[in-house]
N, C-alpha and C. Protein backbone atom coordinates (compact mmCIF):
# COMPACT_ATOMS: atom_id res chain seq x y z
N MET A 1 41.17 84.28 94.40
CA MET A 1 39.78 84.59 94.07
C MET A 1 39.08 85.14 95.31
N ALA A 2 38.27 86.14 95.11
CA ALA A 2 37.54 86.77 96.21
C ALA A 2 36.49 85.80 96.76
N ASP A 3 36.19 85.99 98.02
CA ASP A 3 35.20 85.17 98.71
C ASP A 3 33.82 85.38 98.08
N PRO A 4 33.15 84.32 97.65
CA PRO A 4 31.82 84.49 97.03
C PRO A 4 30.78 85.05 98.00
N ARG A 5 31.00 84.87 99.29
CA ARG A 5 30.07 85.42 100.28
C ARG A 5 30.12 86.94 100.26
N ILE A 6 31.32 87.49 100.09
CA ILE A 6 31.48 88.94 100.00
C ILE A 6 30.75 89.46 98.76
N ARG A 7 30.87 88.73 97.68
CA ARG A 7 30.20 89.13 96.44
C ARG A 7 28.69 89.18 96.66
N GLN A 8 28.13 88.18 97.33
CA GLN A 8 26.70 88.16 97.62
C GLN A 8 26.29 89.34 98.50
N ILE A 9 27.11 89.65 99.48
CA ILE A 9 26.82 90.79 100.36
C ILE A 9 26.82 92.08 99.56
N LYS A 10 27.78 92.23 98.65
CA LYS A 10 27.84 93.43 97.80
C LYS A 10 26.60 93.55 96.93
N ILE A 11 26.20 92.44 96.32
CA ILE A 11 25.03 92.44 95.43
C ILE A 11 23.77 92.81 96.22
N LYS A 12 23.57 92.15 97.35
CA LYS A 12 22.37 92.38 98.14
C LYS A 12 22.36 93.79 98.73
N SER A 13 23.53 94.30 99.06
CA SER A 13 23.62 95.68 99.55
C SER A 13 23.23 96.66 98.46
N GLY A 14 23.72 96.42 97.25
CA GLY A 14 23.38 97.28 96.12
C GLY A 14 21.89 97.28 95.81
N VAL A 15 21.29 96.10 95.89
CA VAL A 15 19.84 96.00 95.64
C VAL A 15 19.08 96.80 96.69
N LEU A 16 19.43 96.61 97.96
CA LEU A 16 18.73 97.32 99.03
C LEU A 16 18.92 98.83 98.91
N LYS A 17 20.12 99.26 98.57
CA LYS A 17 20.39 100.69 98.43
C LYS A 17 19.56 101.29 97.30
N ARG A 18 19.47 100.58 96.18
CA ARG A 18 18.71 101.06 95.02
C ARG A 18 17.21 101.14 95.35
N ILE A 19 16.68 100.11 95.99
CA ILE A 19 15.25 100.11 96.31
C ILE A 19 14.93 101.18 97.35
N THR A 20 15.84 101.41 98.29
CA THR A 20 15.64 102.46 99.29
C THR A 20 15.54 103.82 98.60
N LYS A 21 16.44 104.08 97.65
CA LYS A 21 16.39 105.34 96.90
C LYS A 21 15.10 105.45 96.10
N GLU A 22 14.68 104.33 95.52
CA GLU A 22 13.45 104.33 94.73
C GLU A 22 12.24 104.67 95.61
N LYS A 23 12.21 104.15 96.82
CA LYS A 23 11.11 104.44 97.76
C LYS A 23 11.10 105.92 98.11
N ILE A 24 12.27 106.49 98.36
CA ILE A 24 12.36 107.91 98.68
C ILE A 24 11.84 108.75 97.51
N VAL A 25 12.22 108.39 96.30
CA VAL A 25 11.78 109.11 95.11
C VAL A 25 10.26 109.00 94.95
N CYS A 26 9.70 107.82 95.17
CA CYS A 26 8.24 107.64 95.08
C CYS A 26 7.52 108.53 96.08
N ASP A 27 8.02 108.56 97.30
CA ASP A 27 7.39 109.39 98.33
C ASP A 27 7.45 110.87 97.95
N LYS A 28 8.60 111.32 97.45
CA LYS A 28 8.74 112.72 97.02
C LYS A 28 7.80 113.04 95.88
N GLU A 29 7.67 112.09 94.96
CA GLU A 29 6.81 112.30 93.79
C GLU A 29 5.34 112.45 94.22
N VAL A 30 4.91 111.66 95.18
CA VAL A 30 3.55 111.77 95.69
C VAL A 30 3.34 113.13 96.35
N ASP A 31 4.30 113.56 97.16
CA ASP A 31 4.20 114.87 97.80
C ASP A 31 4.12 116.00 96.76
N GLN A 32 4.99 115.93 95.76
CA GLN A 32 4.99 116.96 94.71
C GLN A 32 3.67 116.98 93.96
N GLN A 33 3.15 115.80 93.68
CA GLN A 33 1.89 115.73 92.93
C GLN A 33 0.73 116.28 93.76
N ASN A 34 0.73 116.00 95.05
CA ASN A 34 -0.30 116.56 95.93
C ASN A 34 -0.24 118.09 95.93
N LYS A 35 0.96 118.63 95.99
CA LYS A 35 1.13 120.09 95.97
C LYS A 35 0.67 120.67 94.63
N ARG A 36 0.98 119.96 93.55
CA ARG A 36 0.60 120.42 92.22
C ARG A 36 -0.93 120.46 92.10
N ILE A 37 -1.60 119.42 92.62
CA ILE A 37 -3.07 119.39 92.57
C ILE A 37 -3.65 120.53 93.39
N GLN A 38 -3.08 120.74 94.58
CA GLN A 38 -3.59 121.82 95.43
C GLN A 38 -3.39 123.18 94.76
N LYS A 39 -2.26 123.35 94.09
CA LYS A 39 -1.98 124.60 93.39
C LYS A 39 -2.99 124.82 92.27
N CYS A 40 -3.29 123.74 91.54
CA CYS A 40 -4.28 123.84 90.45
C CYS A 40 -5.64 124.24 91.01
N LYS A 41 -6.02 123.66 92.13
CA LYS A 41 -7.31 123.98 92.74
C LYS A 41 -7.33 125.42 93.24
N ASP A 42 -6.23 125.85 93.86
CA ASP A 42 -6.14 127.22 94.38
C ASP A 42 -6.22 128.25 93.27
N GLU A 43 -5.64 127.92 92.12
CA GLU A 43 -5.64 128.84 91.00
C GLU A 43 -6.94 128.76 90.21
N GLY A 44 -7.80 127.84 90.58
CA GLY A 44 -9.09 127.70 89.89
C GLY A 44 -8.95 127.21 88.47
N GLN A 45 -8.00 126.33 88.24
CA GLN A 45 -7.77 125.81 86.88
C GLN A 45 -8.93 124.91 86.44
N ASP A 46 -8.92 124.59 85.18
CA ASP A 46 -9.93 123.76 84.55
C ASP A 46 -10.06 122.41 85.28
N GLU A 47 -11.29 121.96 85.46
CA GLU A 47 -11.57 120.70 86.17
C GLU A 47 -10.91 119.52 85.47
N HIS A 48 -10.86 119.56 84.14
CA HIS A 48 -10.21 118.49 83.37
C HIS A 48 -8.72 118.37 83.75
N ASN A 49 -8.05 119.51 83.84
CA ASN A 49 -6.63 119.53 84.20
C ASN A 49 -6.42 118.95 85.60
N ILE A 50 -7.31 119.31 86.52
CA ILE A 50 -7.19 118.81 87.90
C ILE A 50 -7.40 117.29 87.92
N ARG A 51 -8.38 116.81 87.16
CA ARG A 51 -8.62 115.36 87.10
C ARG A 51 -7.41 114.63 86.54
N LYS A 52 -6.78 115.19 85.53
CA LYS A 52 -5.58 114.57 84.94
C LYS A 52 -4.45 114.50 85.97
N GLN A 53 -4.29 115.58 86.74
CA GLN A 53 -3.26 115.59 87.78
C GLN A 53 -3.57 114.54 88.86
N GLU A 54 -4.84 114.36 89.17
CA GLU A 54 -5.23 113.35 90.15
C GLU A 54 -4.99 111.94 89.62
N GLU A 55 -5.14 111.74 88.31
CA GLU A 55 -4.81 110.45 87.71
C GLU A 55 -3.32 110.16 87.84
N VAL A 56 -2.51 111.17 87.63
CA VAL A 56 -1.06 111.01 87.79
C VAL A 56 -0.75 110.64 89.23
N LEU A 57 -1.42 111.28 90.17
CA LEU A 57 -1.22 110.97 91.59
C LEU A 57 -1.58 109.51 91.87
N GLN A 58 -2.68 109.04 91.31
CA GLN A 58 -3.09 107.65 91.53
C GLN A 58 -2.05 106.68 90.98
N GLU A 59 -1.45 107.01 89.85
CA GLU A 59 -0.39 106.16 89.29
C GLU A 59 0.81 106.11 90.23
N CYS A 60 1.15 107.25 90.81
CA CYS A 60 2.27 107.31 91.76
C CYS A 60 1.95 106.45 92.99
N LEU A 61 0.73 106.57 93.47
CA LEU A 61 0.33 105.82 94.66
C LEU A 61 0.31 104.31 94.41
N MET A 62 0.04 103.90 93.18
CA MET A 62 0.02 102.47 92.86
C MET A 62 1.42 101.85 92.90
N MET A 63 2.45 102.66 92.71
CA MET A 63 3.82 102.14 92.72
C MET A 63 4.32 101.87 94.14
N ILE A 64 3.78 102.56 95.11
CA ILE A 64 4.31 102.49 96.48
C ILE A 64 4.18 101.10 97.12
N PRO A 65 3.04 100.41 97.04
CA PRO A 65 2.96 99.09 97.69
C PRO A 65 4.00 98.10 97.17
N ASP A 66 4.21 98.10 95.84
CA ASP A 66 5.21 97.19 95.27
C ASP A 66 6.60 97.57 95.75
N CYS A 67 6.87 98.85 95.80
CA CYS A 67 8.17 99.33 96.26
C CYS A 67 8.41 98.92 97.71
N LYS A 68 7.39 99.07 98.56
CA LYS A 68 7.51 98.68 99.96
C LYS A 68 7.75 97.18 100.10
N ARG A 69 7.03 96.40 99.30
CA ARG A 69 7.17 94.94 99.36
C ARG A 69 8.61 94.54 98.98
N ARG A 70 9.13 95.13 97.91
CA ARG A 70 10.49 94.81 97.49
C ARG A 70 11.52 95.27 98.51
N LEU A 71 11.25 96.42 99.14
CA LEU A 71 12.16 96.95 100.16
C LEU A 71 12.23 96.00 101.35
N VAL A 72 11.09 95.54 101.82
CA VAL A 72 11.05 94.62 102.95
C VAL A 72 11.79 93.32 102.61
N LYS A 73 11.57 92.81 101.41
CA LYS A 73 12.23 91.57 100.99
C LYS A 73 13.75 91.75 100.91
N ALA A 74 14.19 92.83 100.29
CA ALA A 74 15.63 93.08 100.14
C ALA A 74 16.28 93.30 101.51
N TYR A 75 15.57 94.00 102.39
CA TYR A 75 16.08 94.26 103.74
C TYR A 75 16.27 92.96 104.50
N SER A 76 15.23 92.13 104.51
CA SER A 76 15.33 90.88 105.26
C SER A 76 16.35 89.93 104.64
N ASP A 77 16.45 89.95 103.32
CA ASP A 77 17.42 89.09 102.63
C ASP A 77 18.85 89.46 103.03
N LEU A 78 19.16 90.75 103.01
CA LEU A 78 20.50 91.19 103.40
C LEU A 78 20.75 90.93 104.88
N LYS A 79 19.75 91.19 105.70
CA LYS A 79 19.91 90.99 107.14
C LYS A 79 20.21 89.54 107.47
N VAL A 80 19.49 88.62 106.85
CA VAL A 80 19.72 87.18 107.08
C VAL A 80 21.13 86.80 106.61
N THR A 81 21.51 87.32 105.46
CA THR A 81 22.85 87.01 104.94
C THR A 81 23.92 87.50 105.91
N LEU A 82 23.77 88.70 106.42
CA LEU A 82 24.77 89.24 107.35
C LEU A 82 24.78 88.45 108.66
N GLU A 83 23.62 88.00 109.11
CA GLU A 83 23.57 87.22 110.34
C GLU A 83 24.25 85.87 110.18
N THR A 84 24.18 85.29 109.00
CA THR A 84 24.81 83.98 108.78
C THR A 84 26.30 84.10 108.48
N GLU A 85 26.76 85.28 108.14
CA GLU A 85 28.18 85.49 107.81
C GLU A 85 28.88 86.35 108.85
N GLN A 86 28.64 86.08 110.11
CA GLN A 86 29.23 86.85 111.21
C GLN A 86 30.76 86.86 111.19
N ASP A 87 31.36 85.81 110.65
CA ASP A 87 32.82 85.74 110.62
C ASP A 87 33.45 86.79 109.71
N LEU A 88 32.66 87.47 108.90
CA LEU A 88 33.18 88.50 107.99
C LEU A 88 33.03 89.90 108.56
N LYS A 89 32.72 90.03 109.86
CA LYS A 89 32.45 91.33 110.48
C LYS A 89 33.51 92.38 110.22
N GLU A 90 34.75 91.96 110.08
CA GLU A 90 35.85 92.90 109.91
C GLU A 90 36.00 93.38 108.47
N ASN A 91 35.29 92.74 107.54
CA ASN A 91 35.40 93.09 106.13
C ASN A 91 34.72 94.43 105.85
N GLU A 92 35.34 95.21 104.99
CA GLU A 92 34.82 96.54 104.65
C GLU A 92 33.43 96.47 104.02
N ASP A 93 33.21 95.49 103.15
CA ASP A 93 31.90 95.36 102.50
C ASP A 93 30.82 94.97 103.50
N TYR A 94 31.17 94.18 104.49
CA TYR A 94 30.23 93.80 105.54
C TYR A 94 29.82 95.04 106.34
N ILE A 95 30.79 95.86 106.69
CA ILE A 95 30.53 97.08 107.46
C ILE A 95 29.64 98.04 106.64
N THR A 96 29.94 98.16 105.35
CA THR A 96 29.12 99.00 104.47
C THR A 96 27.69 98.47 104.40
N ALA A 97 27.54 97.16 104.34
CA ALA A 97 26.21 96.55 104.28
C ALA A 97 25.41 96.85 105.55
N ILE A 98 26.08 96.86 106.70
CA ILE A 98 25.41 97.20 107.96
C ILE A 98 24.89 98.64 107.89
N GLU A 99 25.70 99.55 107.36
CA GLU A 99 25.28 100.95 107.22
C GLU A 99 24.08 101.08 106.29
N ILE A 100 24.09 100.34 105.20
CA ILE A 100 22.98 100.38 104.25
C ILE A 100 21.71 99.85 104.92
N LEU A 101 21.85 98.81 105.73
CA LEU A 101 20.69 98.29 106.48
C LEU A 101 20.10 99.37 107.38
N LYS A 102 20.96 100.10 108.09
CA LYS A 102 20.49 101.14 109.00
C LYS A 102 19.77 102.25 108.23
N GLU A 103 20.31 102.63 107.07
CA GLU A 103 19.67 103.67 106.26
C GLU A 103 18.30 103.20 105.77
N ALA A 104 18.21 101.93 105.40
CA ALA A 104 16.96 101.40 104.85
C ALA A 104 15.88 101.27 105.92
N GLU A 105 16.29 101.11 107.18
CA GLU A 105 15.31 100.96 108.27
C GLU A 105 14.35 102.13 108.33
N ASN A 106 14.84 103.33 108.02
CA ASN A 106 13.99 104.52 108.05
C ASN A 106 12.87 104.48 107.02
N GLN A 107 13.07 103.74 105.95
CA GLN A 107 12.08 103.68 104.88
C GLN A 107 11.15 102.47 104.98
N LEU A 108 11.45 101.58 105.92
CA LEU A 108 10.59 100.41 106.07
C LEU A 108 9.20 100.82 106.54
N PRO A 109 8.18 100.17 106.00
CA PRO A 109 6.83 100.49 106.46
C PRO A 109 6.63 100.01 107.89
N GLU A 110 5.87 100.76 108.67
CA GLU A 110 5.61 100.36 110.04
C GLU A 110 4.70 99.15 110.01
N LEU A 111 5.10 98.14 110.71
CA LEU A 111 4.30 96.92 110.78
C LEU A 111 3.35 97.02 111.95
N ALA A 112 2.13 97.46 111.67
CA ALA A 112 1.15 97.63 112.73
C ALA A 112 0.06 96.60 112.65
């Protein structure tokens, strides 16, 4: 039977990887929506249409805080798990989890 600690590392790595991708997608969506609003304004489109696009932008912006919170939690959860399972350093899944941690660091919100 496989080591249950490895299974936990795999699960937590998968969660962190998924949330990291979700954060990237949210950020891209906000950028695209901002560009779409600016394009509508530049083209002099109907004010109603611009307001609707701004509502969509606000919905996108509301998703970001929750995504950041989940990202921070998943990151710290995996990091703590890896720190407590140092004896598995040579395991392939452990090494992959370290790489996923490094990738996720770029998406972590700056703690100021």
